[in-house]
Amino acid sequence: MRVKRLAPKPAQIETPAQVDLSLLDPLIKKYKGKKGSMIPLLQGTQEVFGYLPRAAFDKISKEAGLNLNDMYGVATFYAQFRLQPVGKHIVKVCHGTACHVQNATKITEALEDTLGVKDGETTEDRLFTLESVACLGCCSLAPVMMIGDETYGNLNGKGASRIVKEIRRSEQN
């Protein structure tokens, strides 16, 4: 089964005032002029901001001498990179074969209803991002979802919704 990767919604382009680009200075200093530095620079940037802000691409291109088009090509090719901010909790629903035959689609649909977002989107309060993934490697627990480092197995839509509601409730307290 092939999981469709959704294009992010267009967002406002950040200005340098909204993103503290000085946080990238040590990273650029570490990798500037080194062969094969593009992926480590993008990974480090995402670690700093949680995603890859447009302004960061410009700074890295200018100061590390990397081609802007090449960086976007790498960032859009690899699923690990994000061009939009994500929620505090990333909810990954497995849609691999074992989960698919155990009705993972119903879990995604229930979570979309509960969270008020579509697959690939982030809630307005930036608490949750919902993602379908190809496989989480927990086939014996199918269907499965993962939130952060926590794996939840043998789910149904109601149980998955209950879990995210519980997390939301604990975040509000």
Protein backbone atom coordinates (compact mmCIF):
# COMPACT_ATOMS: atom_id res chain seq x y z
CA MET A 1 0.00 0.00 0.00
CA ARG A 2 1.26 3.42 -0.86
CA VAL A 3 0.63 6.26 1.58
CA LYS A 4 -0.14 9.53 -0.14
CA ARG A 5 2.13 12.33 1.02
CA LEU A 6 0.10 15.48 1.28
CA ALA A 7 1.44 18.83 0.23
CA PRO A 8 1.39 21.30 3.10
CA LYS A 9 -1.07 24.15 2.99
CA PRO A 10 0.47 27.41 1.86
CA ALA A 11 1.38 29.46 4.90
CA GLN A 12 2.57 32.94 5.51
CA ILE A 13 6.27 33.26 4.88
CA GLU A 14 8.03 34.07 8.10
CA THR A 15 10.09 37.16 8.37
CA PRO A 16 13.46 37.06 10.10
CA ALA A 17 11.84 38.94 13.00
CA GLN A 18 9.47 35.98 13.58
CA VAL A 19 12.26 33.40 13.51
CA ASP A 20 15.46 33.90 15.51
CA LEU A 21 17.93 33.08 12.78
CA SER A 22 20.89 33.70 15.09
CA LEU A 23 20.16 30.24 16.52
CA LEU A 24 21.60 28.84 13.29
CA ASP A 25 24.98 30.56 13.64
CA PRO A 26 26.74 27.72 15.53
CA LEU A 27 25.31 25.16 13.11
CA ILE A 28 26.44 27.09 10.04
CA LYS A 29 29.86 27.65 11.59
CA LYS A 30 30.20 23.91 12.23
CA TYR A 31 29.32 22.83 8.67
CA LYS A 32 30.28 25.78 6.45
CA GLY A 33 32.54 24.68 3.62
CA LYS A 34 32.34 20.98 4.49
CA LYS A 35 31.45 18.49 1.80
CA GLY A 36 28.12 16.74 2.38
CA SER A 37 26.88 19.39 4.80
CA MET A 38 23.42 19.97 3.34
CA ILE A 39 21.50 17.22 5.14
CA PRO A 40 23.15 17.84 8.53
CA LEU A 41 22.40 21.56 8.16
CA LEU A 42 18.75 20.87 7.33
CA GLN A 43 18.46 18.33 10.16
CA GLY A 44 20.03 20.75 12.63
CA THR A 45 17.76 23.56 11.49
CA GLN A 46 14.70 21.39 11.94
CA GLU A 47 15.93 20.39 15.38
CA VAL A 48 16.19 24.08 16.33
CA PHE A 49 12.82 25.24 14.96
CA GLY A 50 10.79 22.01 14.71
CA TYR A 51 10.49 22.55 10.95
CA LEU A 52 12.41 24.30 8.16
CA PRO A 53 11.38 27.97 8.02
CA ARG A 54 11.74 29.75 4.68
CA ALA A 55 13.97 32.40 6.26
CA ALA A 56 16.36 29.67 7.44
CA PHE A 57 16.79 28.43 3.86
CA ASP A 58 17.78 31.92 2.81
CA LYS A 59 20.29 32.30 5.65
CA ILE A 60 21.88 28.90 5.05
CA SER A 61 22.08 29.52 1.31
CA LYS A 62 23.73 32.89 1.81
CA GLU A 63 26.11 32.00 4.65
CA ALA A 64 26.96 28.36 3.90
CA GLY A 65 27.01 28.81 0.13
CA LEU A 66 24.43 26.13 -0.64
CA ASN A 67 22.10 26.42 -3.60
CA LEU A 68 18.56 27.27 -2.51
CA ASN A 69 16.97 25.02 -5.17
CA ASP A 70 19.16 22.09 -4.13
CA MET A 71 18.15 22.54 -0.48
CA TYR A 72 14.45 22.61 -1.36
CA GLY A 73 14.94 19.54 -3.53
CA VAL A 74 16.44 17.63 -0.60
CA ALA A 75 13.91 18.96 1.92
CA THR A 76 10.95 17.96 -0.24
CA PHE A 77 12.38 14.58 -1.24
CA TYR A 78 12.98 13.21 2.26
CA ALA A 79 9.91 12.65 4.44
CA GLN A 80 11.88 13.53 7.59
CA PHE A 81 11.86 17.22 6.70
CA ARG A 82 8.93 19.53 7.38
CA LEU A 83 8.27 22.86 5.72
CA GLN A 84 5.42 23.80 8.06
CA PRO A 85 5.25 23.97 11.85
CA VAL A 86 3.91 20.82 13.48
CA GLY A 87 1.99 20.14 16.65
CA LYS A 88 3.50 19.34 20.00
CA HIS A 89 2.21 15.76 19.58
CA ILE A 90 2.59 14.04 16.23
CA VAL A 91 -0.04 11.32 15.87
CA LYS A 92 1.18 8.70 13.38
CA VAL A 93 -1.40 6.17 12.24
CA CYS A 94 0.07 3.09 10.61
CA HIS A 95 -1.41 2.14 7.24
CA GLY A 96 0.91 -0.77 6.50
CA THR A 97 -0.59 -4.05 5.33
CA ALA A 98 -1.38 -5.53 8.77
CA CYS A 99 -2.93 -2.27 10.00
CA HIS A 100 -4.74 -1.65 6.74
CA VAL A 101 -6.54 -5.00 6.84
CA GLN A 102 -7.43 -4.30 10.50
CA ASN A 103 -9.19 -1.08 9.45
CA ALA A 104 -6.60 1.64 10.07
CA THR A 105 -8.65 3.91 7.83
CA LYS A 106 -11.40 3.99 10.46
CA ILE A 107 -8.83 5.11 13.04
CA THR A 108 -7.63 7.95 10.82
CA GLU A 109 -11.22 9.01 10.11
CA ALA A 110 -12.10 8.98 13.82
CA LEU A 111 -9.01 11.07 14.64
CA GLU A 112 -9.82 13.53 11.85
CA ASP A 113 -13.28 13.99 13.39
CA THR A 114 -11.94 14.28 16.95
CA LEU A 115 -9.12 16.68 16.09
CA GLY A 116 -10.94 18.65 13.41
CA VAL A 117 -8.12 18.27 10.89
CA LYS A 118 -7.40 16.18 7.83
CA ASP A 119 -4.52 13.76 7.45
CA GLY A 120 -1.29 15.76 7.24
CA GLU A 121 -2.67 18.81 9.04
CA THR A 122 -2.04 20.40 12.43
CA THR A 123 -4.70 21.53 14.89
CA GLU A 124 -5.14 25.29 15.27
CA ASP A 125 -3.81 25.15 18.83
CA ARG A 126 -0.68 23.39 17.47
CA LEU A 127 -1.18 20.56 19.93
CA PHE A 128 -1.57 17.73 17.39
CA THR A 129 -0.40 16.88 13.89
CA LEU A 130 -2.09 13.88 12.25
CA GLU A 131 -0.07 11.74 9.84
CA SER A 132 -0.62 8.48 8.01
CA VAL A 133 2.59 6.47 7.76
CA ALA A 134 3.51 3.42 5.71
CA CYS A 135 4.61 1.24 8.64
CA LEU A 136 5.46 1.57 12.32
CA GLY A 137 6.88 -1.95 12.59
CA CYS A 138 4.39 -3.16 15.20
CA CYS A 139 2.39 -5.54 13.01
CA SER A 140 1.49 -7.88 15.86
CA LEU A 141 -0.34 -4.99 17.54
CA ALA A 142 -2.30 -3.93 14.44
CA PRO A 143 -3.91 -1.53 14.03
CA VAL A 144 -1.40 0.82 15.62
CA MET A 145 -0.79 4.52 16.17
CA MET A 146 2.17 6.25 17.75
CA ILE A 147 2.18 9.55 19.60
CA GLY A 148 5.70 10.70 20.35
CA ASP A 149 7.54 7.64 21.63
CA GLU A 150 4.37 5.91 22.88
CA THR A 151 2.83 3.11 20.80
CA TYR A 152 -0.85 2.23 21.06
CA GLY A 153 -2.00 -1.07 19.57
CA ASN A 154 -5.11 -3.13 18.94
CA LEU A 155 -7.01 0.10 18.38
CA ASN A 156 -10.35 1.07 17.02
CA GLY A 157 -11.57 4.57 16.18
CA LYS A 158 -13.20 5.12 19.54
CA GLY A 159 -10.08 4.07 21.47
CA ALA A 160 -7.80 6.27 19.35
CA SER A 161 -10.08 9.27 19.88
CA ARG A 162 -10.18 8.61 23.63
CA ILE A 163 -6.35 8.67 23.76
CA VAL A 164 -6.01 12.06 22.03
CA LYS A 165 -8.83 13.51 24.14
CA GLU A 166 -7.01 12.34 27.27
CA ILE A 167 -3.77 13.98 26.08
CA ARG A 168 -5.61 17.22 25.29
CA ARG A 169 -7.24 17.17 28.74
CA SER A 170 -3.86 16.62 30.46
CA GLU A 171 -2.33 19.49 28.45
CA GLN A 172 -5.09 21.85 29.58
CA ASN A 173 -4.47 21.08 33.28
